[in-house]
Amino acid sequence: MQTEIEQGAQRAVNPPVDPLVTGIRDRWGDQGMPGEPWPFMAICSLGRLHSLVTKALENEVKRHGLGRTGYFLLTTLALTAEGRARLSTLGRILMMHPTSVKLTADQLEAAGLVTRTPHPRDRRATYVYITEEGRERARAVNAALESPDGELAALGGLHRQVFEALQPARLAFDDHEL
């Protein structure tokens, strides 16, 4: 009997026939659409995958008392050398509006997952520090996202392969800033 990871890998190698995609491809030229259907199909596929993964992520982080933005913020802080970052830096890394970062930090601080202090030399800046409880929460969510029983189990352990497949396209858009 195959494990869930083996079954997921098998689905990725031999995906089921998708009638929507087949229908688009088959009707593209018949309807007088110029060029090939692949750009449209790629965009639709990425959009659907984004929706599915976002829903799975939101379900998982909710179980841990977080929102998606809170999860991203905590994990980003957990990955820093000193467990801290400026609010403005978090906004740039997470590609979020400064107000959204501040509101998320407010929520995480109220939950005891981060603390904030003024920057010692720049009165305009604020540091956000992850607490030990915040680190534990980030670790728990990240472990759950990798679990064969978690919300992302449909990927069948193919997280790295999905990342490696999408990275060239992301970098083609010059997405190098972190």
N, C-alpha and C. Protein backbone atom coordinates (compact mmCIF):
# COMPACT_ATOMS: atom_id res chain seq x y z
N MET A 1 0.85 -1.19 0.00
CA MET A 1 0.00 0.00 0.00
C MET A 1 0.89 1.24 0.00
N GLN A 2 0.53 2.24 -0.84
CA GLN A 2 1.31 3.46 -0.95
C GLN A 2 1.02 4.41 0.20
N THR A 3 2.07 5.12 0.63
CA THR A 3 1.86 6.17 1.62
C THR A 3 1.23 7.37 0.92
N GLU A 4 0.75 8.35 1.73
CA GLU A 4 0.15 9.55 1.16
C GLU A 4 1.16 10.33 0.33
N ILE A 5 2.41 10.34 0.76
CA ILE A 5 3.45 11.05 0.00
C ILE A 5 3.66 10.38 -1.34
N GLU A 6 3.71 9.05 -1.36
CA GLU A 6 3.86 8.34 -2.63
C GLU A 6 2.66 8.55 -3.54
N GLN A 7 1.47 8.58 -2.97
CA GLN A 7 0.27 8.82 -3.77
C GLN A 7 0.29 10.23 -4.35
N GLY A 8 0.71 11.22 -3.54
CA GLY A 8 0.80 12.60 -4.03
C GLY A 8 1.83 12.72 -5.15
N ALA A 9 2.97 12.04 -4.99
CA ALA A 9 3.99 12.07 -6.03
C ALA A 9 3.47 11.42 -7.30
N GLN A 10 2.71 10.33 -7.16
CA GLN A 10 2.13 9.65 -8.32
C GLN A 10 1.14 10.56 -9.04
N ARG A 11 0.32 11.31 -8.27
CA ARG A 11 -0.63 12.25 -8.88
C ARG A 11 0.10 13.35 -9.64
N ALA A 12 1.25 13.78 -9.10
CA ALA A 12 2.01 14.84 -9.77
C ALA A 12 2.63 14.34 -11.07
N VAL A 13 3.09 13.07 -11.10
CA VAL A 13 3.69 12.50 -12.30
C VAL A 13 2.62 12.17 -13.33
N ASN A 14 1.51 11.61 -12.88
CA ASN A 14 0.40 11.23 -13.77
C ASN A 14 -0.88 11.93 -13.31
N PRO A 15 -0.97 13.24 -13.55
CA PRO A 15 -2.15 13.95 -13.06
C PRO A 15 -3.41 13.48 -13.78
N PRO A 16 -4.54 13.57 -13.07
CA PRO A 16 -5.79 13.19 -13.74
C PRO A 16 -6.08 14.16 -14.88
N VAL A 17 -6.84 13.70 -15.85
CA VAL A 17 -7.22 14.56 -16.97
C VAL A 17 -8.12 15.67 -16.44
N ASP A 18 -7.78 16.89 -16.81
CA ASP A 18 -8.55 18.06 -16.39
C ASP A 18 -9.41 18.49 -17.58
N PRO A 19 -10.72 18.22 -17.55
CA PRO A 19 -11.56 18.54 -18.71
C PRO A 19 -11.59 20.03 -19.03
N LEU A 20 -11.45 20.88 -18.03
CA LEU A 20 -11.43 22.32 -18.27
C LEU A 20 -10.25 22.69 -19.14
N VAL A 21 -9.06 22.18 -18.77
CA VAL A 21 -7.85 22.49 -19.53
C VAL A 21 -7.93 21.87 -20.92
N THR A 22 -8.36 20.63 -21.00
CA THR A 22 -8.49 19.97 -22.29
C THR A 22 -9.46 20.74 -23.18
N GLY A 23 -10.57 21.19 -22.61
CA GLY A 23 -11.55 21.95 -23.38
C GLY A 23 -11.00 23.26 -23.89
N ILE A 24 -10.25 23.97 -23.06
CA ILE A 24 -9.64 25.23 -23.49
C ILE A 24 -8.68 24.97 -24.64
N ARG A 25 -7.82 24.02 -24.46
CA ARG A 25 -6.81 23.72 -25.48
C ARG A 25 -7.48 23.31 -26.79
N ASP A 26 -8.51 22.48 -26.70
CA ASP A 26 -9.18 22.00 -27.90
C ASP A 26 -9.97 23.09 -28.62
N ARG A 27 -10.52 24.05 -27.88
CA ARG A 27 -11.37 25.08 -28.50
C ARG A 27 -10.63 26.36 -28.85
N TRP A 28 -9.40 26.51 -28.39
CA TRP A 28 -8.67 27.75 -28.57
C TRP A 28 -8.67 28.21 -30.04
N GLY A 29 -8.16 27.38 -30.90
CA GLY A 29 -8.10 27.74 -32.32
C GLY A 29 -9.46 27.80 -32.98
N ASP A 30 -10.36 26.89 -32.57
CA ASP A 30 -11.70 26.87 -33.15
C ASP A 30 -12.45 28.18 -32.91
N GLN A 31 -12.13 28.85 -31.84
CA GLN A 31 -12.81 30.10 -31.51
C GLN A 31 -12.09 31.33 -32.05
N GLY A 32 -11.04 31.10 -32.82
CA GLY A 32 -10.33 32.21 -33.44
C GLY A 32 -9.40 32.97 -32.52
N MET A 33 -9.01 32.35 -31.41
CA MET A 33 -8.08 33.02 -30.49
C MET A 33 -6.68 32.98 -31.09
N PRO A 34 -5.96 34.09 -31.04
CA PRO A 34 -4.61 34.11 -31.64
C PRO A 34 -3.60 33.37 -30.76
N GLY A 35 -2.55 32.90 -31.39
CA GLY A 35 -1.45 32.27 -30.65
C GLY A 35 -1.85 30.95 -30.02
N GLU A 36 -1.10 30.61 -28.99
CA GLU A 36 -1.31 29.36 -28.26
C GLU A 36 -2.11 29.62 -26.98
N PRO A 37 -2.77 28.59 -26.46
CA PRO A 37 -3.54 28.77 -25.23
C PRO A 37 -2.71 28.75 -23.96
N TRP A 38 -1.40 28.46 -24.07
CA TRP A 38 -0.58 28.21 -22.88
C TRP A 38 -0.47 29.41 -21.93
N PRO A 39 -0.32 30.65 -22.40
CA PRO A 39 -0.27 31.75 -21.42
C PRO A 39 -1.55 31.83 -20.59
N PHE A 40 -2.70 31.74 -21.27
CA PHE A 40 -3.98 31.78 -20.56
C PHE A 40 -4.09 30.61 -19.58
N MET A 41 -3.73 29.42 -20.03
CA MET A 41 -3.84 28.23 -19.18
C MET A 41 -2.87 28.31 -18.01
N ALA A 42 -1.66 28.85 -18.23
CA ALA A 42 -0.70 28.98 -17.13
C ALA A 42 -1.22 29.95 -16.07
N ILE A 43 -1.76 31.08 -16.52
CA ILE A 43 -2.29 32.07 -15.58
C ILE A 43 -3.47 31.49 -14.80
N CYS A 44 -4.37 30.81 -15.49
CA CYS A 44 -5.51 30.19 -14.81
C CYS A 44 -5.05 29.13 -13.81
N SER A 45 -4.07 28.33 -14.22
CA SER A 45 -3.57 27.28 -13.35
C SER A 45 -2.91 27.86 -12.10
N LEU A 46 -2.09 28.90 -12.28
CA LEU A 46 -1.45 29.55 -11.13
C LEU A 46 -2.50 30.18 -10.21
N GLY A 47 -3.51 30.81 -10.80
CA GLY A 47 -4.56 31.42 -10.00
C GLY A 47 -5.33 30.40 -9.18
N ARG A 48 -5.66 29.27 -9.80
CA ARG A 48 -6.39 28.22 -9.08
C ARG A 48 -5.50 27.61 -7.99
N LEU A 49 -4.23 27.35 -8.32
CA LEU A 49 -3.31 26.79 -7.33
C LEU A 49 -3.15 27.77 -6.17
N HIS A 50 -3.01 29.05 -6.47
CA HIS A 50 -2.90 30.06 -5.41
C HIS A 50 -4.11 30.01 -4.49
N SER A 51 -5.29 29.94 -5.06
CA SER A 51 -6.51 29.89 -4.25
C SER A 51 -6.54 28.64 -3.37
N LEU A 52 -6.19 27.51 -3.94
CA LEU A 52 -6.22 26.25 -3.18
C LEU A 52 -5.19 26.24 -2.05
N VAL A 53 -3.97 26.69 -2.35
CA VAL A 53 -2.92 26.70 -1.33
C VAL A 53 -3.24 27.74 -0.26
N THR A 54 -3.76 28.90 -0.68
CA THR A 54 -4.13 29.93 0.29
C THR A 54 -5.21 29.43 1.24
N LYS A 55 -6.21 28.75 0.71
CA LYS A 55 -7.27 28.20 1.56
C LYS A 55 -6.70 27.17 2.54
N ALA A 56 -5.83 26.30 2.05
CA ALA A 56 -5.22 25.29 2.93
C ALA A 56 -4.38 25.96 4.01
N LEU A 57 -3.59 26.97 3.63
CA LEU A 57 -2.76 27.69 4.59
C LEU A 57 -3.63 28.38 5.63
N GLU A 58 -4.68 29.06 5.19
CA GLU A 58 -5.55 29.76 6.13
C GLU A 58 -6.21 28.78 7.11
N ASN A 59 -6.61 27.61 6.64
CA ASN A 59 -7.19 26.60 7.54
C ASN A 59 -6.16 26.15 8.57
N GLU A 60 -4.94 25.93 8.14
CA GLU A 60 -3.90 25.44 9.06
C GLU A 60 -3.52 26.50 10.09
N VAL A 61 -3.28 27.73 9.64
CA VAL A 61 -2.86 28.75 10.60
C VAL A 61 -3.98 29.10 11.57
N LYS A 62 -5.21 28.99 11.11
CA LYS A 62 -6.37 29.25 11.99
C LYS A 62 -6.39 28.27 13.16
N ARG A 63 -6.02 27.02 12.89
CA ARG A 63 -5.96 26.01 13.96
C ARG A 63 -4.96 26.40 15.05
N HIS A 64 -4.00 27.22 14.67
CA HIS A 64 -2.95 27.65 15.59
C HIS A 64 -3.18 29.07 16.09
N GLY A 65 -4.38 29.57 15.89
CA GLY A 65 -4.74 30.88 16.41
C GLY A 65 -4.09 32.05 15.69
N LEU A 66 -3.76 31.86 14.43
CA LEU A 66 -3.12 32.91 13.64
C LEU A 66 -3.91 33.18 12.37
N GLY A 67 -3.60 34.30 11.77
CA GLY A 67 -4.03 34.58 10.41
C GLY A 67 -2.83 34.37 9.50
N ARG A 68 -3.08 34.38 8.21
CA ARG A 68 -2.01 34.15 7.24
C ARG A 68 -0.90 35.20 7.40
N THR A 69 -1.27 36.47 7.52
CA THR A 69 -0.28 37.53 7.65
C THR A 69 0.52 37.38 8.94
N GLY A 70 -0.15 37.01 10.02
CA GLY A 70 0.55 36.78 11.28
C GLY A 70 1.55 35.65 11.17
N TYR A 71 1.16 34.59 10.48
CA TYR A 71 2.08 33.48 10.26
C TYR A 71 3.32 33.94 9.49
N PHE A 72 3.11 34.69 8.40
CA PHE A 72 4.24 35.17 7.61
C PHE A 72 5.14 36.07 8.44
N LEU A 73 4.55 36.95 9.23
CA LEU A 73 5.33 37.87 10.04
C LEU A 73 6.14 37.11 11.10
N LEU A 74 5.50 36.17 11.79
CA LEU A 74 6.22 35.40 12.81
C LEU A 74 7.36 34.58 12.21
N THR A 75 7.10 33.91 11.11
CA THR A 75 8.13 33.09 10.51
C THR A 75 9.28 33.95 9.99
N THR A 76 8.97 35.11 9.43
CA THR A 76 10.01 36.02 8.98
C THR A 76 10.88 36.46 10.15
N LEU A 77 10.25 36.83 11.27
CA LEU A 77 11.03 37.21 12.46
C LEU A 77 11.85 36.04 12.99
N ALA A 78 11.28 34.84 12.98
CA ALA A 78 11.99 33.67 13.49
C ALA A 78 13.24 33.38 12.66
N LEU A 79 13.23 33.80 11.41
CA LEU A 79 14.36 33.54 10.53
C LEU A 79 15.46 34.59 10.61
N THR A 80 15.20 35.69 11.31
CA THR A 80 16.23 36.73 11.44
C THR A 80 17.25 36.30 12.48
N ALA A 81 18.45 36.83 12.35
CA ALA A 81 19.55 36.46 13.26
C ALA A 81 19.23 36.80 14.71
N GLU A 82 18.59 37.94 14.94
CA GLU A 82 18.32 38.39 16.31
C GLU A 82 16.84 38.32 16.68
N GLY A 83 16.02 37.75 15.81
CA GLY A 83 14.59 37.64 16.11
C GLY A 83 13.87 38.99 16.10
N ARG A 84 14.39 39.91 15.30
CA ARG A 84 13.79 41.23 15.25
C ARG A 84 13.90 41.81 13.85
N ALA A 85 13.04 42.77 13.58
CA ALA A 85 13.11 43.53 12.33
C ALA A 85 12.32 44.82 12.52
N ARG A 86 12.65 45.82 11.73
CA ARG A 86 11.87 47.05 11.73
C ARG A 86 10.52 46.77 11.08
N LEU A 87 9.51 47.51 11.52
CA LEU A 87 8.21 47.41 10.88
C LEU A 87 8.32 47.65 9.38
N SER A 88 9.10 48.66 8.99
CA SER A 88 9.24 48.99 7.57
C SER A 88 9.90 47.85 6.79
N THR A 89 10.87 47.17 7.40
CA THR A 89 11.53 46.05 6.75
C THR A 89 10.56 44.89 6.57
N LEU A 90 9.74 44.62 7.58
CA LEU A 90 8.74 43.56 7.47
C LEU A 90 7.77 43.86 6.33
N GLY A 91 7.36 45.11 6.21
CA GLY A 91 6.44 45.48 5.13
C GLY A 91 7.06 45.24 3.77
N ARG A 92 8.34 45.57 3.61
CA ARG A 92 9.03 45.37 2.34
C ARG A 92 9.18 43.88 2.03
N ILE A 93 9.60 43.10 3.00
CA ILE A 93 9.81 41.66 2.79
C ILE A 93 8.49 40.97 2.48
N LEU A 94 7.45 41.32 3.23
CA LEU A 94 6.15 40.66 3.07
C LEU A 94 5.29 41.29 1.99
N MET A 95 5.81 42.36 1.37
CA MET A 95 5.08 43.09 0.33
C MET A 95 3.70 43.52 0.84
N MET A 96 3.71 44.16 1.99
CA MET A 96 2.47 44.60 2.64
C MET A 96 2.53 46.10 2.90
N HIS A 97 1.37 46.69 2.93
CA HIS A 97 1.25 48.10 3.27
C HIS A 97 1.67 48.28 4.74
N PRO A 98 2.36 49.39 5.06
CA PRO A 98 2.79 49.61 6.44
C PRO A 98 1.67 49.53 7.47
N THR A 99 0.49 50.00 7.11
CA THR A 99 -0.64 49.92 8.05
C THR A 99 -1.01 48.48 8.35
N SER A 100 -0.97 47.62 7.34
CA SER A 100 -1.29 46.20 7.55
C SER A 100 -0.25 45.54 8.44
N VAL A 101 1.01 45.89 8.25
CA VAL A 101 2.07 45.33 9.10
C VAL A 101 1.86 45.77 10.54
N LYS A 102 1.56 47.04 10.73
CA LYS A 102 1.34 47.57 12.08
C LYS A 102 0.15 46.88 12.74
N LEU A 103 -0.95 46.73 12.02
CA LEU A 103 -2.14 46.07 12.60
C LEU A 103 -1.85 44.61 12.94
N THR A 104 -1.11 43.94 12.08
CA THR A 104 -0.75 42.55 12.37
C THR A 104 0.16 42.48 13.59
N ALA A 105 1.13 43.38 13.69
CA ALA A 105 2.01 43.42 14.86
C ALA A 105 1.20 43.72 16.12
N ASP A 106 0.20 44.59 16.02
CA ASP A 106 -0.67 44.88 17.16
C ASP A 106 -1.35 43.60 17.65
N GLN A 107 -1.90 42.83 16.72
CA GLN A 107 -2.61 41.59 17.07
C GLN A 107 -1.65 40.57 17.69
N LEU A 108 -0.48 40.43 17.08
CA LEU A 108 0.49 39.46 17.61
C LEU A 108 1.02 39.88 18.97
N GLU A 109 1.18 41.19 19.16
CA GLU A 109 1.64 41.69 20.46
C GLU A 109 0.57 41.43 21.53
N ALA A 110 -0.69 41.66 21.19
CA ALA A 110 -1.78 41.40 22.15
C ALA A 110 -1.83 39.93 22.54
N ALA A 111 -1.43 39.05 21.62
CA ALA A 111 -1.42 37.61 21.89
C ALA A 111 -0.13 37.15 22.56
N GLY A 112 0.82 38.07 22.79
CA GLY A 112 2.07 37.72 23.45
C GLY A 112 3.08 37.05 22.53
N LEU A 113 2.90 37.18 21.22
CA LEU A 113 3.78 36.50 20.27
C LEU A 113 4.93 37.39 19.78
N VAL A 114 4.77 38.71 19.90
CA VAL A 114 5.84 39.66 19.58
C VAL A 114 5.81 40.78 20.60
N THR A 115 6.91 41.51 20.66
CA THR A 115 6.98 42.76 21.43
C THR A 115 7.52 43.82 20.49
N ARG A 116 7.29 45.08 20.84
CA ARG A 116 7.81 46.18 20.03
C ARG A 116 8.57 47.15 20.92
N THR A 117 9.63 47.69 20.36
CA THR A 117 10.39 48.73 21.06
C THR A 117 10.80 49.78 20.04
N PRO A 118 10.94 51.02 20.50
CA PRO A 118 11.43 52.06 19.59
C PRO A 118 12.87 51.76 19.19
N HIS A 119 13.21 52.13 17.98
CA HIS A 119 14.60 51.99 17.53
C HIS A 119 15.46 52.91 18.40
N PRO A 120 16.62 52.46 18.85
CA PRO A 120 17.43 53.28 19.77
C PRO A 120 17.98 54.57 19.15
N ARG A 121 18.16 54.61 17.82
CA ARG A 121 18.76 55.80 17.20
C ARG A 121 17.85 56.49 16.19
N ASP A 122 16.75 55.87 15.81
CA ASP A 122 15.86 56.45 14.81
C ASP A 122 14.46 56.54 15.41
N ARG A 123 14.06 57.75 15.78
CA ARG A 123 12.76 57.94 16.45
C ARG A 123 11.58 57.53 15.58
N ARG A 124 11.78 57.49 14.27
CA ARG A 124 10.68 57.14 13.36
C ARG A 124 10.48 55.63 13.23
N ALA A 125 11.46 54.85 13.66
CA ALA A 125 11.43 53.40 13.43
C ALA A 125 11.06 52.64 14.70
N THR A 126 10.46 51.49 14.49
CA THR A 126 10.08 50.59 15.58
C THR A 126 10.58 49.19 15.25
N TYR A 127 11.17 48.55 16.25
CA TYR A 127 11.57 47.16 16.10
C TYR A 127 10.44 46.25 16.59
N VAL A 128 10.27 45.14 15.90
CA VAL A 128 9.36 44.08 16.34
C VAL A 128 10.24 42.88 16.67
N TYR A 129 10.07 42.34 17.87
CA TYR A 129 10.82 41.17 18.33
C TYR A 129 9.87 40.00 18.49
N ILE A 130 10.31 38.83 18.08
CA ILE A 130 9.50 37.64 18.29
C ILE A 130 9.76 37.14 19.71
N THR A 131 8.72 36.72 20.40
CA THR A 131 8.87 36.15 21.74
C THR A 131 9.10 34.64 21.61
N GLU A 132 9.46 34.02 22.70
CA GLU A 132 9.64 32.56 22.66
C GLU A 132 8.33 31.87 22.31
N GLU A 133 7.22 32.38 22.83
CA GLU A 133 5.91 31.82 22.47
C GLU A 133 5.64 32.00 20.98
N GLY A 134 6.05 33.13 20.42
CA GLY A 134 5.90 33.37 18.98
C GLY A 134 6.72 32.38 18.17
N ARG A 135 7.94 32.12 18.63
CA ARG A 135 8.80 31.13 17.95
C ARG A 135 8.15 29.75 17.98
N GLU A 136 7.63 29.39 19.14
CA GLU A 136 6.99 28.08 19.27
C GLU A 136 5.78 27.96 18.34
N ARG A 137 5.01 29.04 18.23
CA ARG A 137 3.83 29.03 17.35
C ARG A 137 4.26 28.89 15.89
N ALA A 138 5.29 29.64 15.49
CA ALA A 138 5.78 29.55 14.11
C ALA A 138 6.28 28.13 13.82
N ARG A 139 7.00 27.55 14.77
CA ARG A 139 7.49 26.17 14.58
C ARG A 139 6.33 25.19 14.43
N ALA A 140 5.31 25.37 15.25
CA ALA A 140 4.16 24.45 15.20
C ALA A 140 3.45 24.53 13.85
N VAL A 141 3.24 25.75 13.36
CA VAL A 141 2.56 25.91 12.07
C VAL A 141 3.42 25.31 10.97
N ASN A 142 4.71 25.61 10.96
CA ASN A 142 5.58 25.09 9.91
C ASN A 142 5.65 23.58 9.93
N ALA A 143 5.66 22.97 11.10
CA ALA A 143 5.63 21.51 11.18
C ALA A 143 4.31 20.97 10.64
N ALA A 144 3.22 21.63 10.98
CA ALA A 144 1.90 21.18 10.49
C ALA A 144 1.80 21.29 8.98
N LEU A 145 2.40 22.32 8.40
CA LEU A 145 2.33 22.49 6.95
C LEU A 145 3.12 21.42 6.21
N GLU A 146 4.07 20.81 6.88
CA GLU A 146 4.86 19.75 6.27
C GLU A 146 4.29 18.35 6.57
N SER A 147 3.37 18.28 7.48
CA SER A 147 2.82 17.01 7.92
C SER A 147 2.01 16.32 6.82
N PRO A 148 2.14 14.99 6.71
CA PRO A 148 1.31 14.27 5.73
C PRO A 148 -0.17 14.29 6.10
N ASP A 149 -0.48 14.74 7.32
CA ASP A 149 -1.88 14.85 7.74
C ASP A 149 -2.37 16.30 7.70
N GLY A 150 -1.51 17.22 7.32
CA GLY A 150 -1.85 18.64 7.33
C GLY A 150 -2.63 19.08 6.11
N GLU A 151 -2.93 20.34 6.11
CA GLU A 151 -3.74 20.93 5.04
C GLU A 151 -3.04 20.91 3.68
N LEU A 152 -1.72 20.87 3.67
CA LEU A 152 -1.00 20.83 2.40
C LEU A 152 -0.62 19.40 1.99
N ALA A 153 -1.25 18.42 2.62
CA ALA A 153 -0.96 17.02 2.31
C ALA A 153 -1.24 16.69 0.84
N ALA A 154 -2.13 17.44 0.20
CA ALA A 154 -2.43 17.19 -1.21
C ALA A 154 -1.18 17.35 -2.08
N LEU A 155 -0.20 18.12 -1.61
CA LEU A 155 1.04 18.26 -2.36
C LEU A 155 1.89 16.99 -2.28
N GLY A 156 1.53 16.10 -1.39
CA GLY A 156 2.21 14.82 -1.31
C GLY A 156 3.70 14.92 -1.05
N GLY A 157 4.11 15.88 -0.25
CA GLY A 157 5.53 16.02 0.06
C GLY A 157 6.33 16.67 -1.06
N LEU A 158 5.67 17.25 -2.02
CA LEU A 158 6.35 17.85 -3.17
C LEU A 158 6.63 19.34 -2.99
N HIS A 159 6.69 19.80 -1.76
CA HIS A 159 6.88 21.22 -1.50
C HIS A 159 8.12 21.78 -2.19
N ARG A 160 9.22 21.07 -2.06
CA ARG A 160 10.47 21.55 -2.68
C ARG A 160 10.35 21.56 -4.20
N GLN A 161 9.76 20.51 -4.77
CA GLN A 161 9.62 20.45 -6.22
C GLN A 161 8.72 21.57 -6.74
N VAL A 162 7.67 21.89 -5.99
CA VAL A 162 6.78 22.99 -6.40
C VAL A 162 7.57 24.30 -6.37
N PHE A 163 8.31 24.53 -5.29
CA PHE A 163 9.13 25.74 -5.20
C PHE A 163 10.11 25.81 -6.37
N GLU A 164 10.84 24.71 -6.62
CA GLU A 164 11.85 24.72 -7.68
C GLU A 164 11.23 24.89 -9.06
N ALA A 165 10.02 24.41 -9.26
CA ALA A 165 9.35 24.58 -10.55
C ALA A 165 8.89 26.02 -10.75
N LEU A 166 8.47 26.69 -9.69
CA LEU A 166 7.95 28.05 -9.80
C LEU A 166 9.04 29.12 -9.73
N GLN A 167 10.17 28.81 -9.13
CA GLN A 167 11.21 29.82 -8.93
C GLN A 167 11.70 30.46 -10.22
N PRO A 168 11.97 29.72 -11.29
CA PRO A 168 12.43 30.39 -12.52
C PRO A 168 11.42 31.40 -13.05
N ALA A 169 10.14 31.09 -12.96
CA ALA A 169 9.12 32.04 -13.43
C ALA A 169 9.10 33.28 -12.55
N ARG A 170 9.19 33.09 -11.24
CA ARG A 170 9.19 34.23 -10.32
C ARG A 170 10.41 35.12 -10.57
N LEU A 171 11.56 34.52 -10.73
CA LEU A 171 12.79 35.27 -10.97
C LEU A 171 12.77 35.96 -12.33
N ALA A 172 12.06 35.39 -13.30
CA ALA A 172 11.93 36.02 -14.62
C ALA A 172 11.22 37.37 -14.51
N PHE A 173 10.42 37.54 -13.47
CA PHE A 173 9.76 38.82 -13.22
C PHE A 173 10.64 39.74 -12.37
N ASP A 174 11.90 39.35 -12.19
CA ASP A 174 12.89 40.13 -11.45
C ASP A 174 12.52 40.27 -9.98
N ASP A 175 11.98 39.21 -9.40
CA ASP A 175 11.60 39.21 -7.99
C ASP A 175 12.80 38.76 -7.16
N HIS A 176 13.72 39.69 -6.95
CA HIS A 176 14.95 39.37 -6.20
C HIS A 176 15.00 40.02 -4.85
N GLU A 177 14.12 40.97 -4.60
CA GLU A 177 14.22 41.77 -3.38
C GLU A 177 13.73 41.03 -2.15
N LEU A 178 14.55 41.00 -1.12
CA LEU A 178 14.15 40.49 0.19
C LEU A 178 14.72 41.33 1.24
